[in-house]
Amino acid sequence: MKILVFGDFNQVSMPMELEVYIGKVLEVLGEEAEFIVGDNRGLDTRIHNVLSKLGAGERTVVYGVNKINSNEYGFETNVIEVAPEYDENGAEVAVDYTGVKMQYLVDDCDAAICVWDGENKTTFNRITKLKVRDKEVRIVRV
């Protein structure tokens, strides 16, 4: 079972409940548990730390767009190649790389664990996308 672990981009602290919950997932699913995470510095890196600490590193894949930004623990990676887009004048158009990456993560996971403050609209939208696809989401409130 592929489990996406994500949360509010600006979340500064790592709630202990997340580590406890991931530990329980590992106890219940054992070798069946696989984790997929983003590559942003900050919360994603702290999630990488928790997964490494709990011995799940060999079952963790870090997703990035065009490159991996953060993978301090040497986890397996999945680089999503996205070509630049241009307008009618040939100027490069801004691409929401985080949104592209998140769409791949949502599509690829079976379930998710999310760190959320209850207010961040981007995280709320991601939770909604998961639920629309009938994917179980465990929310760790901060």
N, C-alpha and C. Protein backbone atom coordinates (compact mmCIF):
# COMPACT_ATOMS: atom_id res chain seq x y z
N MET A 1 0.84 -1.18 0.00
CA MET A 1 0.00 0.00 0.00
C MET A 1 0.88 1.24 0.00
N LYS A 2 0.68 2.11 -0.98
CA LYS A 2 1.44 3.35 -1.08
C LYS A 2 0.74 4.44 -0.28
N ILE A 3 1.47 5.01 0.67
CA ILE A 3 0.91 6.03 1.54
C ILE A 3 1.65 7.35 1.31
N LEU A 4 0.90 8.35 0.90
CA LEU A 4 1.43 9.70 0.72
C LEU A 4 1.48 10.38 2.08
N VAL A 5 2.63 10.98 2.42
CA VAL A 5 2.76 11.75 3.65
C VAL A 5 3.09 13.18 3.23
N PHE A 6 2.24 14.14 3.62
CA PHE A 6 2.43 15.53 3.22
C PHE A 6 1.82 16.45 4.25
N GLY A 7 1.95 17.75 4.02
CA GLY A 7 1.34 18.69 4.95
C GLY A 7 1.52 20.13 4.53
N ASP A 8 1.15 21.02 5.43
CA ASP A 8 1.26 22.45 5.19
C ASP A 8 2.71 22.81 4.93
N PHE A 9 2.95 23.50 3.83
CA PHE A 9 4.30 23.86 3.42
C PHE A 9 5.03 24.67 4.49
N ASN A 10 4.31 25.53 5.21
CA ASN A 10 4.95 26.41 6.19
C ASN A 10 4.94 25.85 7.61
N GLN A 11 4.55 24.61 7.76
CA GLN A 11 4.52 23.99 9.08
C GLN A 11 5.94 23.89 9.64
N VAL A 12 6.19 24.51 10.78
CA VAL A 12 7.55 24.52 11.32
C VAL A 12 7.85 23.36 12.25
N SER A 13 6.87 22.89 12.97
CA SER A 13 7.14 21.81 13.91
C SER A 13 6.58 20.49 13.39
N MET A 14 7.21 19.40 13.82
CA MET A 14 6.76 18.07 13.42
C MET A 14 6.00 17.47 14.61
N PRO A 15 4.70 17.31 14.47
CA PRO A 15 3.93 16.77 15.60
C PRO A 15 4.31 15.32 15.90
N MET A 16 4.47 15.02 17.18
CA MET A 16 4.82 13.66 17.61
C MET A 16 3.77 12.66 17.16
N GLU A 17 2.52 13.11 17.05
CA GLU A 17 1.44 12.23 16.61
C GLU A 17 1.72 11.63 15.23
N LEU A 18 2.40 12.39 14.37
CA LEU A 18 2.72 11.88 13.03
C LEU A 18 3.66 10.69 13.14
N GLU A 19 4.70 10.82 13.94
CA GLU A 19 5.65 9.73 14.12
C GLU A 19 4.97 8.50 14.72
N VAL A 20 4.11 8.72 15.71
CA VAL A 20 3.38 7.61 16.34
C VAL A 20 2.48 6.92 15.32
N TYR A 21 1.77 7.71 14.52
CA TYR A 21 0.85 7.13 13.54
C TYR A 21 1.59 6.35 12.46
N ILE A 22 2.70 6.90 11.95
CA ILE A 22 3.48 6.17 10.96
C ILE A 22 4.02 4.88 11.56
N GLY A 23 4.43 4.93 12.81
CA GLY A 23 4.88 3.71 13.51
C GLY A 23 3.79 2.66 13.56
N LYS A 24 2.56 3.07 13.82
CA LYS A 24 1.44 2.13 13.85
C LYS A 24 1.17 1.55 12.46
N VAL A 25 1.26 2.39 11.43
CA VAL A 25 1.08 1.91 10.06
C VAL A 25 2.12 0.83 9.75
N LEU A 26 3.36 1.07 10.16
CA LEU A 26 4.42 0.09 9.93
C LEU A 26 4.15 -1.21 10.68
N GLU A 27 3.63 -1.11 11.90
CA GLU A 27 3.29 -2.31 12.68
C GLU A 27 2.20 -3.12 11.99
N VAL A 28 1.17 -2.44 11.52
CA VAL A 28 0.01 -3.13 10.93
C VAL A 28 0.32 -3.66 9.54
N LEU A 29 0.93 -2.83 8.69
CA LEU A 29 1.15 -3.22 7.30
C LEU A 29 2.49 -3.91 7.07
N GLY A 30 3.44 -3.70 7.95
CA GLY A 30 4.75 -4.32 7.79
C GLY A 30 5.36 -3.98 6.44
N GLU A 31 5.83 -5.01 5.76
CA GLU A 31 6.50 -4.83 4.46
C GLU A 31 5.56 -4.32 3.37
N GLU A 32 4.26 -4.38 3.60
CA GLU A 32 3.30 -3.89 2.60
C GLU A 32 3.24 -2.37 2.54
N ALA A 33 3.77 -1.69 3.57
CA ALA A 33 3.73 -0.23 3.62
C ALA A 33 4.84 0.36 2.77
N GLU A 34 4.46 1.24 1.84
CA GLU A 34 5.40 2.04 1.06
C GLU A 34 4.99 3.50 1.25
N PHE A 35 5.97 4.38 1.34
CA PHE A 35 5.68 5.79 1.56
C PHE A 35 6.17 6.61 0.38
N ILE A 36 5.35 7.58 -0.02
CA ILE A 36 5.75 8.52 -1.06
C ILE A 36 5.63 9.93 -0.49
N VAL A 37 6.64 10.74 -0.79
CA VAL A 37 6.73 12.08 -0.21
C VAL A 37 7.28 13.06 -1.23
N GLY A 38 7.11 14.34 -0.95
CA GLY A 38 7.66 15.38 -1.80
C GLY A 38 9.13 15.64 -1.48
N ASP A 39 9.69 16.59 -2.21
CA ASP A 39 11.11 16.88 -2.08
C ASP A 39 11.40 18.31 -1.61
N ASN A 40 10.42 18.98 -1.04
CA ASN A 40 10.64 20.35 -0.59
C ASN A 40 11.42 20.36 0.72
N ARG A 41 12.27 21.37 0.83
CA ARG A 41 12.95 21.56 2.11
C ARG A 41 11.89 22.04 3.10
N GLY A 42 12.08 21.78 4.34
CA GLY A 42 11.10 22.15 5.34
C GLY A 42 10.34 20.92 5.80
N LEU A 43 9.02 20.95 5.69
CA LEU A 43 8.22 19.85 6.21
C LEU A 43 8.55 18.53 5.53
N ASP A 44 8.71 18.52 4.21
CA ASP A 44 9.04 17.26 3.54
C ASP A 44 10.33 16.67 4.10
N THR A 45 11.34 17.51 4.31
CA THR A 45 12.60 17.02 4.86
C THR A 45 12.40 16.47 6.26
N ARG A 46 11.54 17.10 7.06
CA ARG A 46 11.26 16.58 8.41
C ARG A 46 10.50 15.26 8.33
N ILE A 47 9.64 15.11 7.33
CA ILE A 47 8.95 13.84 7.11
C ILE A 47 9.98 12.77 6.72
N HIS A 48 10.94 13.11 5.85
CA HIS A 48 12.01 12.18 5.48
C HIS A 48 12.73 11.70 6.73
N ASN A 49 13.01 12.63 7.66
CA ASN A 49 13.70 12.30 8.90
C ASN A 49 12.91 11.28 9.72
N VAL A 50 11.61 11.50 9.85
CA VAL A 50 10.77 10.57 10.61
C VAL A 50 10.77 9.19 9.97
N LEU A 51 10.61 9.13 8.65
CA LEU A 51 10.59 7.84 7.96
C LEU A 51 11.93 7.11 8.11
N SER A 52 13.03 7.85 8.04
CA SER A 52 14.34 7.25 8.23
C SER A 52 14.49 6.73 9.65
N LYS A 53 14.11 7.54 10.60
CA LYS A 53 14.21 7.20 12.03
C LYS A 53 13.42 5.92 12.35
N LEU A 54 12.27 5.75 11.67
CA LEU A 54 11.42 4.58 11.93
C LEU A 54 11.82 3.37 11.07
N GLY A 55 12.89 3.50 10.31
CA GLY A 55 13.38 2.37 9.52
C GLY A 55 12.62 2.13 8.23
N ALA A 56 11.92 3.15 7.73
CA ALA A 56 11.13 2.99 6.51
C ALA A 56 11.83 3.54 5.28
N GLY A 57 13.09 3.88 5.39
CA GLY A 57 13.81 4.50 4.29
C GLY A 57 13.85 3.67 3.03
N GLU A 58 14.00 2.36 3.17
CA GLU A 58 14.05 1.50 1.99
C GLU A 58 12.69 1.35 1.32
N ARG A 59 11.65 1.84 1.97
CA ARG A 59 10.30 1.77 1.41
C ARG A 59 9.73 3.15 1.17
N THR A 60 10.62 4.12 0.95
CA THR A 60 10.20 5.51 0.74
C THR A 60 10.71 5.99 -0.61
N VAL A 61 9.83 6.68 -1.36
CA VAL A 61 10.19 7.27 -2.65
C VAL A 61 9.91 8.77 -2.57
N VAL A 62 10.90 9.57 -2.95
CA VAL A 62 10.78 11.03 -2.97
C VAL A 62 10.46 11.47 -4.40
N TYR A 63 9.42 12.27 -4.56
CA TYR A 63 9.00 12.78 -5.87
C TYR A 63 9.45 14.23 -6.03
N GLY A 64 9.95 14.56 -7.22
CA GLY A 64 10.32 15.92 -7.56
C GLY A 64 10.00 16.19 -9.02
N VAL A 65 9.96 17.47 -9.39
CA VAL A 65 9.70 17.85 -10.78
C VAL A 65 11.00 18.36 -11.39
N ASN A 66 11.45 17.68 -12.44
CA ASN A 66 12.66 17.99 -13.21
C ASN A 66 13.96 17.78 -12.43
N LYS A 67 13.89 17.71 -11.13
CA LYS A 67 15.05 17.41 -10.28
C LYS A 67 14.53 17.14 -8.86
N ILE A 68 15.40 16.62 -8.03
CA ILE A 68 15.06 16.41 -6.62
C ILE A 68 15.71 17.54 -5.82
N ASN A 69 14.90 18.29 -5.08
CA ASN A 69 15.40 19.42 -4.31
C ASN A 69 15.99 19.02 -2.97
N SER A 70 15.42 18.00 -2.34
CA SER A 70 15.89 17.59 -1.02
C SER A 70 15.70 16.09 -0.86
N ASN A 71 16.80 15.40 -0.60
CA ASN A 71 16.77 13.96 -0.35
C ASN A 71 18.01 13.59 0.47
N GLU A 72 18.10 14.17 1.65
CA GLU A 72 19.27 14.01 2.51
C GLU A 72 19.51 12.57 2.96
N TYR A 73 18.50 11.73 2.88
CA TYR A 73 18.62 10.36 3.37
C TYR A 73 18.85 9.35 2.25
N GLY A 74 18.97 9.84 1.02
CA GLY A 74 19.27 8.95 -0.10
C GLY A 74 18.16 7.99 -0.47
N PHE A 75 16.91 8.38 -0.25
CA PHE A 75 15.77 7.54 -0.62
C PHE A 75 15.70 7.37 -2.14
N GLU A 76 14.98 6.36 -2.56
CA GLU A 76 14.68 6.19 -3.99
C GLU A 76 13.95 7.45 -4.46
N THR A 77 14.11 7.80 -5.73
CA THR A 77 13.47 9.01 -6.25
C THR A 77 12.64 8.72 -7.49
N ASN A 78 11.68 9.61 -7.74
CA ASN A 78 10.87 9.59 -8.94
C ASN A 78 10.83 11.02 -9.46
N VAL A 79 11.60 11.27 -10.53
CA VAL A 79 11.65 12.62 -11.11
C VAL A 79 10.61 12.72 -12.21
N ILE A 80 9.70 13.67 -12.05
CA ILE A 80 8.63 13.91 -13.02
C ILE A 80 9.14 14.97 -14.00
N GLU A 81 9.27 14.59 -15.25
CA GLU A 81 9.78 15.53 -16.26
C GLU A 81 8.62 16.39 -16.78
N VAL A 82 8.79 17.69 -16.67
CA VAL A 82 7.79 18.64 -17.16
C VAL A 82 8.49 19.65 -18.06
N ALA A 83 8.09 19.68 -19.32
CA ALA A 83 8.69 20.61 -20.29
C ALA A 83 8.17 22.02 -20.04
N PRO A 84 8.99 23.02 -20.29
CA PRO A 84 8.52 24.40 -20.14
C PRO A 84 7.39 24.69 -21.12
N GLU A 85 6.54 25.63 -20.76
CA GLU A 85 5.44 26.04 -21.63
C GLU A 85 5.68 27.49 -22.06
N TYR A 86 5.22 27.82 -23.26
CA TYR A 86 5.46 29.16 -23.80
C TYR A 86 4.15 29.77 -24.28
N ASP A 87 4.04 31.09 -24.16
CA ASP A 87 2.85 31.77 -24.68
C ASP A 87 3.03 32.05 -26.17
N GLU A 88 2.04 32.73 -26.78
CA GLU A 88 2.06 32.98 -28.21
C GLU A 88 3.22 33.88 -28.66
N ASN A 89 3.84 34.60 -27.71
CA ASN A 89 4.98 35.45 -28.03
C ASN A 89 6.33 34.78 -27.78
N GLY A 90 6.27 33.52 -27.37
CA GLY A 90 7.50 32.77 -27.12
C GLY A 90 8.07 32.95 -25.73
N ALA A 91 7.36 33.68 -24.87
CA ALA A 91 7.83 33.86 -23.50
C ALA A 91 7.44 32.64 -22.66
N GLU A 92 8.34 32.23 -21.79
CA GLU A 92 8.05 31.08 -20.94
C GLU A 92 6.95 31.42 -19.94
N VAL A 93 6.00 30.51 -19.81
CA VAL A 93 4.88 30.68 -18.90
C VAL A 93 5.20 29.97 -17.58
N ALA A 94 4.87 30.60 -16.47
CA ALA A 94 5.11 30.00 -15.17
C ALA A 94 4.30 28.72 -15.03
N VAL A 95 4.93 27.68 -14.53
CA VAL A 95 4.29 26.39 -14.31
C VAL A 95 4.22 26.14 -12.81
N ASP A 96 3.10 25.67 -12.33
CA ASP A 96 2.93 25.33 -10.91
C ASP A 96 3.54 23.94 -10.67
N TYR A 97 4.86 23.91 -10.51
CA TYR A 97 5.56 22.63 -10.35
C TYR A 97 5.11 21.88 -9.10
N THR A 98 4.83 22.61 -8.03
CA THR A 98 4.35 21.95 -6.81
C THR A 98 2.99 21.30 -7.06
N GLY A 99 2.12 21.98 -7.79
CA GLY A 99 0.82 21.41 -8.13
C GLY A 99 0.94 20.18 -9.01
N VAL A 100 1.86 20.23 -9.98
CA VAL A 100 2.09 19.08 -10.87
C VAL A 100 2.56 17.89 -10.04
N LYS A 101 3.55 18.13 -9.17
CA LYS A 101 4.09 17.06 -8.33
C LYS A 101 2.99 16.48 -7.44
N MET A 102 2.20 17.37 -6.84
CA MET A 102 1.16 16.89 -5.93
C MET A 102 0.13 16.05 -6.67
N GLN A 103 -0.18 16.42 -7.91
CA GLN A 103 -1.13 15.63 -8.70
C GLN A 103 -0.59 14.21 -8.92
N TYR A 104 0.69 14.10 -9.23
CA TYR A 104 1.31 12.77 -9.38
C TYR A 104 1.25 11.99 -8.08
N LEU A 105 1.55 12.66 -6.97
CA LEU A 105 1.51 11.98 -5.67
C LEU A 105 0.10 11.50 -5.34
N VAL A 106 -0.89 12.36 -5.56
CA VAL A 106 -2.29 11.99 -5.28
C VAL A 106 -2.71 10.81 -6.16
N ASP A 107 -2.34 10.85 -7.44
CA ASP A 107 -2.71 9.76 -8.34
C ASP A 107 -2.03 8.45 -7.97
N ASP A 108 -0.79 8.53 -7.47
CA ASP A 108 0.02 7.33 -7.23
C ASP A 108 -0.25 6.67 -5.88
N CYS A 109 -0.83 7.38 -4.93
CA CYS A 109 -1.00 6.81 -3.59
C CYS A 109 -2.31 6.03 -3.45
N ASP A 110 -2.33 5.17 -2.43
CA ASP A 110 -3.56 4.45 -2.07
C ASP A 110 -4.26 5.13 -0.90
N ALA A 111 -3.49 5.80 -0.06
CA ALA A 111 -4.01 6.49 1.12
C ALA A 111 -3.02 7.60 1.47
N ALA A 112 -3.39 8.46 2.43
CA ALA A 112 -2.51 9.58 2.78
C ALA A 112 -2.58 9.90 4.26
N ILE A 113 -1.45 10.44 4.73
CA ILE A 113 -1.36 11.01 6.08
C ILE A 113 -0.96 12.47 5.87
N CYS A 114 -1.72 13.37 6.49
CA CYS A 114 -1.52 14.80 6.25
C CYS A 114 -1.36 15.55 7.56
N VAL A 115 -0.35 16.43 7.62
CA VAL A 115 -0.18 17.36 8.74
C VAL A 115 -0.88 18.65 8.32
N TRP A 116 -1.88 19.08 9.10
CA TRP A 116 -2.68 20.24 8.68
C TRP A 116 -3.09 21.06 9.87
N ASP A 117 -3.02 22.39 9.69
CA ASP A 117 -3.43 23.31 10.76
C ASP A 117 -4.92 23.60 10.75
N GLY A 118 -5.64 23.03 9.78
CA GLY A 118 -7.08 23.25 9.70
C GLY A 118 -7.45 24.52 8.95
N GLU A 119 -6.47 25.30 8.53
CA GLU A 119 -6.75 26.57 7.87
C GLU A 119 -6.15 26.69 6.47
N ASN A 120 -5.01 26.07 6.23
CA ASN A 120 -4.32 26.21 4.95
C ASN A 120 -5.20 25.70 3.82
N LYS A 121 -5.54 26.60 2.89
CA LYS A 121 -6.47 26.26 1.80
C LYS A 121 -5.84 25.30 0.78
N THR A 122 -4.55 25.44 0.52
CA THR A 122 -3.89 24.54 -0.42
C THR A 122 -3.94 23.11 0.10
N THR A 123 -3.62 22.93 1.37
CA THR A 123 -3.67 21.60 1.96
C THR A 123 -5.10 21.08 1.97
N PHE A 124 -6.06 21.94 2.27
CA PHE A 124 -7.47 21.54 2.23
C PHE A 124 -7.85 21.03 0.84
N ASN A 125 -7.41 21.75 -0.20
CA ASN A 125 -7.71 21.33 -1.57
C ASN A 125 -7.09 19.97 -1.90
N ARG A 126 -5.90 19.73 -1.41
CA ARG A 126 -5.25 18.43 -1.65
C ARG A 126 -5.99 17.31 -0.92
N ILE A 127 -6.42 17.59 0.29
CA ILE A 127 -7.22 16.60 1.04
C ILE A 127 -8.50 16.29 0.27
N THR A 128 -9.13 17.33 -0.25
CA THR A 128 -10.37 17.16 -1.02
C THR A 128 -10.13 16.31 -2.26
N LYS A 129 -9.03 16.57 -2.99
CA LYS A 129 -8.71 15.76 -4.18
C LYS A 129 -8.55 14.29 -3.82
N LEU A 130 -7.91 14.02 -2.70
CA LEU A 130 -7.74 12.63 -2.26
C LEU A 130 -9.09 11.99 -1.95
N LYS A 131 -9.93 12.71 -1.22
CA LYS A 131 -11.24 12.15 -0.84
C LYS A 131 -12.15 11.95 -2.05
N VAL A 132 -12.09 12.86 -3.03
CA VAL A 132 -12.88 12.72 -4.26
C VAL A 132 -12.50 11.42 -4.97
N ARG A 133 -11.24 11.04 -4.86
CA ARG A 133 -10.75 9.80 -5.48
C ARG A 133 -10.92 8.59 -4.55
N ASP A 134 -11.71 8.76 -3.49
CA ASP A 134 -11.99 7.69 -2.52
C ASP A 134 -10.73 7.13 -1.88
N LYS A 135 -9.78 8.02 -1.57
CA LYS A 135 -8.56 7.60 -0.89
C LYS A 135 -8.66 8.02 0.56
N GLU A 136 -8.36 7.10 1.45
CA GLU A 136 -8.43 7.39 2.88
C GLU A 136 -7.37 8.41 3.24
N VAL A 137 -7.76 9.40 4.06
CA VAL A 137 -6.83 10.44 4.50
C VAL A 137 -6.88 10.52 6.02
N ARG A 138 -5.74 10.35 6.66
CA ARG A 138 -5.61 10.51 8.11
C ARG A 138 -4.99 11.89 8.32
N ILE A 139 -5.70 12.76 9.03
CA ILE A 139 -5.23 14.13 9.26
C ILE A 139 -4.64 14.24 10.66
N VAL A 140 -3.40 14.69 10.72
CA VAL A 140 -2.75 14.98 11.99
C VAL A 140 -2.85 16.48 12.17
N ARG A 141 -3.68 16.92 13.13
CA ARG A 141 -3.92 18.36 13.33
C ARG A 141 -2.81 18.98 14.16
N VAL A 142 -2.45 20.19 13.78
CA VAL A 142 -1.42 20.94 14.52
C VAL A 142 -1.98 22.29 14.92
